[in-house]
PDB file of N, CA and C in Angstrom:
ATOM      1  N   MET A   1      66.569 136.538  84.962  1.00  0.00           N
ATOM      2  CA  MET A   1      65.110 136.835  85.523  1.00  0.00           C
ATOM      3  C   MET A   1      65.037 135.426  86.032  1.00  0.00           C
ATOM      4  N   LEU A   2      64.773 135.111  87.476  1.00  0.00           N
ATOM      5  CA  LEU A   2      64.235 134.115  88.731  1.00  0.00           C
ATOM      6  C   LEU A   2      63.355 133.123  87.749  1.00  0.00           C
ATOM      7  N   ARG A   3      64.151 131.614  88.294  1.00  0.00           N
ATOM      8  CA  ARG A   3      62.674 131.587  87.790  1.00  0.00           C
ATOM      9  C   ARG A   3      61.836 130.448  88.823  1.00  0.00           C
ATOM     10  N   HIS A   4      60.604 130.484  88.427  1.00  0.00           N
ATOM     11  CA  HIS A   4      59.806 129.967  89.153  1.00  0.00           C
ATOM     12  C   HIS A   4      59.043 128.754  88.871  1.00  0.00           C
ATOM     13  N   GLU A   5      58.332 128.559  89.652  1.00  0.00           N
ATOM     14  CA  GLU A   5      56.810 127.253  89.758  1.00  0.00           C
ATOM     15  C   GLU A   5      56.142 127.455  88.676  1.00  0.00           C
ATOM     16  N   PHE A   6      55.894 126.680  87.494  1.00  0.00           N
ATOM     17  CA  PHE A   6      54.763 126.003  86.929  1.00  0.00           C
ATOM     18  C   PHE A   6      53.943 125.991  87.159  1.00  0.00           C
ATOM     19  N   GLN A   7      53.122 126.673  87.189  1.00  0.00           N
ATOM     20  CA  GLN A   7      51.506 126.693  87.614  1.00  0.00           C
ATOM     21  C   GLN A   7      50.483 126.826  86.775  1.00  0.00           C
ATOM     22  N   PRO A   8      50.279 125.365  85.933  1.00  0.00           N
ATOM     23  CA  PRO A   8      49.480 124.963  84.990  1.00  0.00           C
ATOM     24  C   PRO A   8      47.729 125.706  84.969  1.00  0.00           C
ATOM     25  N   GLY A   9      47.170 125.746  86.139  1.00  0.00           N
ATOM     26  CA  GLY A   9      45.768 126.188  86.431  1.00  0.00           C
ATOM     27  C   GLY A   9      46.093 127.873  86.218  1.00  0.00           C
ATOM     28  N   ARG A  10      46.892 128.326  86.645  1.00  0.00           N
ATOM     29  CA  ARG A  10      46.747 129.925  85.818  1.00  0.00           C
ATOM     30  C   ARG A  10      46.899 129.665  84.042  1.00  0.00           C
ATOM     31  N   LEU A  11      47.674 129.367  83.983  1.00  0.00           N
ATOM     32  CA  LEU A  11      47.931 128.412  82.253  1.00  0.00           C
ATOM     33  C   LEU A  11      46.246 128.646  81.689  1.00  0.00           C
ATOM     34  N   VAL A  12      45.491 127.806  82.355  1.00  0.00           N
ATOM     35  CA  VAL A  12      44.408 127.495  81.621  1.00  0.00           C
ATOM     36  C   VAL A  12      43.416 128.329  81.989  1.00  0.00           C
ATOM     37  N   ALA A  13      43.232 129.297  83.329  1.00  0.00           N
ATOM     38  CA  ALA A  13      42.230 130.294  83.049  1.00  0.00           C
ATOM     39  C   ALA A  13      42.987 131.326  82.450  1.00  0.00           C
ATOM     40  N   GLY A  14      43.976 131.671  81.783  1.00  0.00           N
ATOM     41  CA  GLY A  14      44.763 132.461  81.041  1.00  0.00           C
ATOM     42  C   GLY A  14      43.951 132.842  79.914  1.00  0.00           C
ATOM     43  N   ALA A  15      44.483 131.262  79.523  1.00  0.00           N
ATOM     44  CA  ALA A  15      43.807 130.908  78.139  1.00  0.00           C
ATOM     45  C   ALA A  15      42.130 130.608  78.192  1.00  0.00           C
ATOM     46  N   PHE A  16      41.407 130.110  78.844  1.00  0.00           N
ATOM     47  CA  PHE A  16      39.871 130.571  78.185  1.00  0.00           C
ATOM     48  C   PHE A  16      39.653 132.108  78.662  1.00  0.00           C
ATOM     49  N   LEU A  17      40.138 133.000  79.496  1.00  0.00           N
ATOM     50  CA  LEU A  17      40.579 134.687  79.332  1.00  0.00           C
ATOM     51  C   LEU A  17      40.468 135.210  77.802  1.00  0.00           C
ATOM     52  N   ALA A  18      41.330 134.065  77.399  1.00  0.00           N
ATOM     53  CA  ALA A  18      42.003 135.461  76.078  1.00  0.00           C
ATOM     54  C   ALA A  18      41.330 134.532  75.325  1.00  0.00           C
ATOM     55  N   ALA A  19      40.597 133.095  75.555  1.00  0.00           N
ATOM     56  CA  ALA A  19      38.996 133.147  74.653  1.00  0.00           C
ATOM     57  C   ALA A  19      38.063 134.244  74.603  1.00  0.00           C
ATOM     58  N   ALA A  20      37.236 134.418  75.508  1.00  0.00           N
ATOM     59  CA  ALA A  20      36.763 135.234  75.822  1.00  0.00           C
ATOM     60  C   ALA A  20      37.037 136.824  74.970  1.00  0.00           C
ATOM     61  N   GLY A  21      38.027 137.298  75.020  1.00  0.00           N
ATOM     62  CA  GLY A  21      38.825 138.260  74.785  1.00  0.00           C
ATOM     63  C   GLY A  21      38.753 138.457  73.052  1.00  0.00           C
ATOM     64  N   VAL A  22      38.960 137.080  72.540  1.00  0.00           N
ATOM     65  CA  VAL A  22      38.324 136.800  70.935  1.00  0.00           C
ATOM     66  C   VAL A  22      37.198 136.957  70.469  1.00  0.00           C
ATOM     67  N   VAL A  23      36.199 136.072  71.659  1.00  0.00           N
ATOM     68  CA  VAL A  23      35.141 136.320  70.926  1.00  0.00           C
ATOM     69  C   VAL A  23      34.146 137.133  70.594  1.00  0.00           C
ATOM     70  N   PHE A  24      35.044 138.251  72.133  1.00  0.00           N
ATOM     71  CA  PHE A  24      33.920 139.719  71.883  1.00  0.00           C
ATOM     72  C   PHE A  24      34.775 140.672  70.810  1.00  0.00           C
ATOM     73  N   ILE A  25      36.210 140.422  70.668  1.00  0.00           N
ATOM     74  CA  ILE A  25      36.779 141.129  69.375  1.00  0.00           C
ATOM     75  C   ILE A  25      36.070 140.881  68.533  1.00  0.00           C
ATOM     76  N   GLY A  26      36.365 139.111  68.159  1.00  0.00           N
ATOM     77  CA  GLY A  26      35.171 139.427  66.446  1.00  0.00           C
ATOM     78  C   GLY A  26      33.833 139.578  66.635  1.00  0.00           C
ATOM     79  N   ASP A  27      32.615 139.877  67.902  1.00  0.00           N
ATOM     80  CA  ASP A  27      31.417 140.116  67.617  1.00  0.00           C
ATOM     81  C   ASP A  27      32.358 142.446  67.415  1.00  0.00           C
ATOM     82  N   ALA A  28      33.230 142.568  68.165  1.00  0.00           N
ATOM     83  CA  ALA A  28      32.910 144.077  68.254  1.00  0.00           C
ATOM     84  C   ALA A  28      33.882 143.953  66.485  1.00  0.00           C
ATOM     85  N   ARG A  29      34.599 143.324  65.592  1.00  0.00           N
ATOM     86  CA  ARG A  29      35.234 143.975  64.473  1.00  0.00           C
ATOM     87  C   ARG A  29      33.879 143.708  62.996  1.00  0.00           C
ATOM     88  N   GLY A  30      32.410 143.039  63.456  1.00  0.00           N
ATOM     89  CA  GLY A  30      31.607 142.622  62.632  1.00  0.00           C
ATOM     90  C   GLY A  30      32.224 140.900  62.055  1.00  0.00           C
ATOM     91  N   ALA A  31      32.881 140.327  62.615  1.00  0.00           N
ATOM     92  CA  ALA A  31      33.231 138.928  62.453  1.00  0.00           C
ATOM     93  C   ALA A  31      31.900 137.512  62.289  1.00  0.00           C
ATOM     94  N   TRP A  32      31.818 138.026  63.962  1.00  0.00           N
ATOM     95  CA  TRP A  32      30.953 137.358  63.846  1.00  0.00           C
ATOM     96  C   TRP A  32      29.447 137.947  65.046  1.00  0.00           C
ATOM     97  N   GLU A  33      28.397 137.045  65.696  1.00  0.00           N
ATOM     98  CA  GLU A  33      27.391 137.844  66.454  1.00  0.00           C
ATOM     99  C   GLU A  33      27.494 136.835  67.351  1.00  0.00           C
ATOM    100  N   ALA A  34      28.135 137.563  68.992  1.00  0.00           N
ATOM    101  CA  ALA A  34      27.869 136.855  69.811  1.00  0.00           C
ATOM    102  C   ALA A  34      27.368 136.877  71.042  1.00  0.00           C
ATOM    103  N   PRO A  35      26.445 136.685  71.308  1.00  0.00           N
ATOM    104  CA  PRO A  35      25.055 137.810  72.496  1.00  0.00           C
ATOM    105  C   PRO A  35      26.180 137.649  73.926  1.00  0.00           C
ATOM    106  N   TRP A  36      25.681 139.254  74.624  1.00  0.00           N
ATOM    107  CA  TRP A  36      26.176 139.269  75.242  1.00  0.00           C
ATOM    108  C   TRP A  36      26.712 138.484  76.652  1.00  0.00           C
ATOM    109  N   PHE A  37      25.649 137.552  76.772  1.00  0.00           N
ATOM    110  CA  PHE A  37      25.911 136.230  77.977  1.00  0.00           C
ATOM    111  C   PHE A  37      26.704 135.459  77.345  1.00  0.00           C
ATOM    112  N   ALA A  38      27.022 135.797  76.896  1.00  0.00           N
ATOM    113  CA  ALA A  38      28.660 133.864  75.944  1.00  0.00           C
ATOM    114  C   ALA A  38      29.677 134.072  77.110  1.00  0.00           C
ATOM    115  N   ILE A  39      29.941 135.819  77.883  1.00  0.00           N
ATOM    116  CA  ILE A  39      31.039 135.692  78.669  1.00  0.00           C
ATOM    117  C   ILE A  39      31.238 135.275  79.393  1.00  0.00           C
ATOM    118  N   VAL A  40      29.548 134.466  80.233  1.00  0.00           N
ATOM    119  CA  VAL A  40      29.296 133.080  81.349  1.00  0.00           C
ATOM    120  C   VAL A  40      30.300 132.197  81.714  1.00  0.00           C
ATOM    121  N   PRO A  41      29.715 131.500  80.696  1.00  0.00           N
ATOM    122  CA  PRO A  41      30.043 129.852  80.266  1.00  0.00           C
ATOM    123  C   PRO A  41      31.096 129.515  79.519  1.00  0.00           C
ATOM    124  N   ILE A  42      32.076 130.716  79.516  1.00  0.00           N
ATOM    125  CA  ILE A  42      33.621 130.670  78.685  1.00  0.00           C
ATOM    126  C   ILE A  42      34.927 131.114  80.057  1.00  0.00           C
ATOM    127  N   VAL A  43      33.594 132.192  81.207  1.00  0.00           N
ATOM    128  CA  VAL A  43      34.860 132.430  82.007  1.00  0.00           C
ATOM    129  C   VAL A  43      34.712 131.423  82.906  1.00  0.00           C
ATOM    130  N   GLY A  44      33.409 131.231  83.431  1.00  0.00           N
ATOM    131  CA  GLY A  44      32.653 130.651  84.447  1.00  0.00           C
ATOM    132  C   GLY A  44      33.374 128.880  83.918  1.00  0.00           C
ATOM    133  N   GLY A  45      33.647 128.411  83.085  1.00  0.00           N
ATOM    134  CA  GLY A  45      33.892 127.218  83.132  1.00  0.00           C
ATOM    135  C   GLY A  45      35.757 127.017  82.697  1.00  0.00           C
ATOM    136  N   GLY A  46      36.275 128.505  82.427  1.00  0.00           N
ATOM    137  CA  GLY A  46      37.479 128.153  82.837  1.00  0.00           C
ATOM    138  C   GLY A  46      38.050 128.233  83.870  1.00  0.00           C
ATOM    139  N   ILE A  47      37.499 129.012  84.749  1.00  0.00           N
ATOM    140  CA  ILE A  47      37.623 129.064  86.427  1.00  0.00           C
ATOM    141  C   ILE A  47      37.125 127.782  86.823  1.00  0.00           C
ATOM    142  N   CYS A  48      36.441 127.345  87.007  1.00  0.00           N
ATOM    143  CA  CYS A  48      36.444 126.131  87.162  1.00  0.00           C
ATOM    144  C   CYS A  48      37.330 124.823  85.964  1.00  0.00           C
ATOM    145  N   LEU A  49      37.758 124.768  85.322  1.00  0.00           N
ATOM    146  CA  LEU A  49      38.950 123.821  84.629  1.00  0.00           C
ATOM    147  C   LEU A  49      39.861 124.534  85.728  1.00  0.00           C
ATOM    148  N   ALA A  50      40.119 125.623  85.475  1.00  0.00           N
ATOM    149  CA  ALA A  50      41.389 126.265  86.199  1.00  0.00           C
ATOM    150  C   ALA A  50      41.866 125.440  87.237  1.00  0.00           C
ATOM    151  N   ALA A  51      40.608 125.759  88.340  1.00  0.00           N
ATOM    152  CA  ALA A  51      40.610 125.086  89.943  1.00  0.00           C
ATOM    153  C   ALA A  51      41.258 123.748  89.936  1.00  0.00           C
ATOM    154  N   LEU A  52      39.924 122.780  89.182  1.00  0.00           N
ATOM    155  CA  LEU A  52      40.314 121.190  88.792  1.00  0.00           C
ATOM    156  C   LEU A  52      41.792 120.828  88.657  1.00  0.00           C
ATOM    157  N   THR A  53      42.634 121.961  87.797  1.00  0.00           N
ATOM    158  CA  THR A  53      43.813 121.490  86.779  1.00  0.00           C
ATOM    159  C   THR A  53      44.276 121.975  88.206  1.00  0.00           C
ATOM    160  N   GLY A  54      44.486 123.182  89.084  1.00  0.00           N
ATOM    161  CA  GLY A  54      45.058 123.811  90.061  1.00  0.00           C
ATOM    162  C   GLY A  54      45.035 122.390  91.387  1.00  0.00           C
ATOM    163  N   MET A  55      43.947 122.002  91.458  1.00  0.00           N
ATOM    164  CA  MET A  55      44.022 120.894  92.686  1.00  0.00           C
ATOM    165  C   MET A  55      44.409 119.850  92.244  1.00  0.00           C
ATOM    166  N   LEU A  56      44.269 119.204  91.089  1.00  0.00           N
ATOM    167  CA  LEU A  56      45.366 118.402  90.147  1.00  0.00           C
ATOM    168  C   LEU A  56      46.818 117.926  90.173  1.00  0.00           C
ATOM    169  N   THR A  57      47.462 118.978  90.007  1.00  0.00           N
ATOM    170  CA  THR A  57      48.338 119.463  89.785  1.00  0.00           C
ATOM    171  C   THR A  57      48.893 119.550  91.640  1.00  0.00           C
ATOM    172  N   ARG A  58      48.336 120.071  92.599  1.00  0.00           N
ATOM    173  CA  ARG A  58      48.929 120.357  94.172  1.00  0.00           C
ATOM    174  C   ARG A  58      48.924 118.693  94.498  1.00  0.00           C
ATOM    175  N   ALA A  59      47.866 117.523  94.112  1.00  0.00           N
ATOM    176  CA  ALA A  59      47.886 116.600  94.342  1.00  0.00           C
ATOM    177  C   ALA A  59      48.919 116.047  93.620  1.00  0.00           C
ATOM    178  N   ILE A  60      49.393 115.762  92.629  1.00  0.00           N
ATOM    179  CA  ILE A  60      50.451 115.383  91.868  1.00  0.00           C
ATOM    180  C   ILE A  60      51.405 115.496  92.465  1.00  0.00           C
ATOM    181  N   ARG A  61      51.318 116.786  92.802  1.00  0.00           N
ATOM    182  CA  ARG A  61      53.048 117.388  93.545  1.00  0.00           C
ATOM    183  C   ARG A  61      53.330 117.386  95.073  1.00  0.00           C
ATOM    184  N   ARG A  62      52.227 116.575  95.367  1.00  0.00           N
ATOM    185  CA  ARG A  62      52.293 115.742  96.847  1.00  0.00           C
ATOM    186  C   ARG A  62      52.937 114.633  97.506  1.00  0.00           C
ATOM    187  N   GLY A  63      52.390 114.064  96.075  1.00  0.00           N
ATOM    188  CA  GLY A  63      52.948 112.631  95.632  1.00  0.00           C
ATOM    189  C   GLY A  63      53.865 112.082  95.963  1.00  0.00           C
ATOM    190  N   ARG A  64      54.424 113.337  94.966  1.00  0.00           N
ATOM    191  CA  ARG A  64      56.188 112.790  94.681  1.00  0.00           C
ATOM    192  C   ARG A  64      57.173 113.460  95.387  1.00  0.00           C
ATOM    193  N   SER A  65      56.517 114.512  96.467  1.00  0.00           N
ATOM    194  CA  SER A  65      57.637 114.831  96.994  1.00  0.00           C
ATOM    195  C   SER A  65      57.670 114.147  97.997  1.00  0.00           C
ATOM    196  N   THR A  66      59.508 114.023  98.589  1.00  0.00           N
ATOM    197  CA  THR A  66      59.884 113.170  99.201  1.00  0.00           C
ATOM    198  C   THR A  66      60.312 113.606 101.271  1.00  0.00           C
ATOM    199  N   PRO A  67      60.791 112.893 102.037  1.00  0.00           N
ATOM    200  CA  PRO A  67      60.992 114.069 103.241  1.00  0.00           C
ATOM    201  C   PRO A  67      62.063 114.257 102.945  1.00  0.00           C
ATOM    202  N   GLU A  68      63.374 114.154 101.905  1.00  0.00           N
ATOM    203  CA  GLU A  68      64.214 114.737 101.982  1.00  0.00           C
ATOM    204  C   GLU A  68      64.152 116.031 101.106  1.00  0.00           C
ATOM    205  N   GLU A  69      62.979 116.584 100.791  1.00  0.00           N
ATOM    206  CA  GLU A  69      62.565 117.634 100.032  1.00  0.00           C
ATOM    207  C   GLU A  69      62.427 118.293 100.791  1.00  0.00           C
ATOM    208  N   SER A  70      61.511 117.916 101.636  1.00  0.00           N
ATOM    209  CA  SER A  70      60.894 119.304 102.600  1.00  0.00           C
ATOM    210  C   SER A  70      62.250 120.195 103.435  1.00  0.00           C
ATOM    211  N   PRO A  71      62.146 120.322 104.606  1.00  0.00           N
ATOM    212  CA  PRO A  71      62.846 121.108 105.371  1.00  0.00           C
ATOM    213  C   PRO A  71      62.360 120.719 106.890  1.00  0.00           C
ATOM    214  N   THR A  72      63.378 120.211 107.829  1.00  0.00           N
ATOM    215  CA  THR A  72      62.917 119.630 108.684  1.00  0.00           C
ATOM    216  C   THR A  72      63.047 120.727 109.608  1.00  0.00           C
ATOM    217  N   GLU A  73      62.793 120.247 111.001  1.00  0.00           N
ATOM    218  CA  GLU A  73      63.507 121.506 112.329  1.00  0.00           C
ATOM    219  C   GLU A  73      64.861 121.154 112.242  1.00  0.00           C
ATOM    220  N   GLY A  74      65.574 120.265 112.209  1.00  0.00           N
ATOM    221  CA  GLY A  74      67.446 119.922 112.367  1.00  0.00           C
ATOM    222  C   GLY A  74      68.350 120.811 111.312  1.00  0.00           C
ATOM    223  N   ASP A  75      67.416 121.254 110.195  1.00  0.00           N
ATOM    224  CA  ASP A  75      68.268 121.397 109.701  1.00  0.00           C
ATOM    225  C   ASP A  75      69.145 123.053 109.689  1.00  0.00           C
ATOM    226  N   GLY A  76      68.599 123.687 110.468  1.00  0.00           N
ATOM    227  CA  GLY A  76      67.940 125.067 110.493  1.00  0.00           C
ATOM    228  C   GLY A  76      67.619 125.973 109.458  1.00  0.00           C
ATOM    229  N   ALA A  77      66.692 125.268 108.965  1.00  0.00           N
ATOM    230  CA  ALA A  77      65.949 126.250 107.868  1.00  0.00           C
ATOM    231  C   ALA A  77      64.635 126.784 109.143  1.00  0.00           C
ATOM    232  N   THR A  78      64.041 127.817 109.128  1.00  0.00           N
ATOM    233  CA  THR A  78      63.214 128.129 109.687  1.00  0.00           C
ATOM    234  C   THR A  78      62.053 128.590 108.439  1.00  0.00           C
ATOM    235  N   ALA A  79      61.460 129.155 109.345  1.00  0.00           N
ATOM    236  CA  ALA A  79      59.809 129.653 109.116  1.00  0.00           C
ATOM    237  C   ALA A  79      59.505 130.882 109.079  1.00  0.00           C
ATOM    238  N   ARG A  80      59.613 131.913 108.138  1.00  0.00           N
ATOM    239  CA  ARG A  80      59.554 133.560 108.455  1.00  0.00           C
ATOM    240  C   ARG A  80      58.001 133.690 107.844  1.00  0.00           C
TER     241      ARG A  80
END
């Protein structure tokens, strides 16, 4: 399996979507009563936190990059 870059924003979004699913599964099985509009703050808040996490990750990774890590025009790397 090819290794890929870790993206914590997607992890946060997935965790909140899974939490929304758990809330409604619990409601469907009768474990608790969840109002139909409970999905809005769970998913909306999760998407906002995921966006914030993604922006923070990008800012941190930009700050850590060095000129040696980025391809330059003279090293034969071409953008396609």
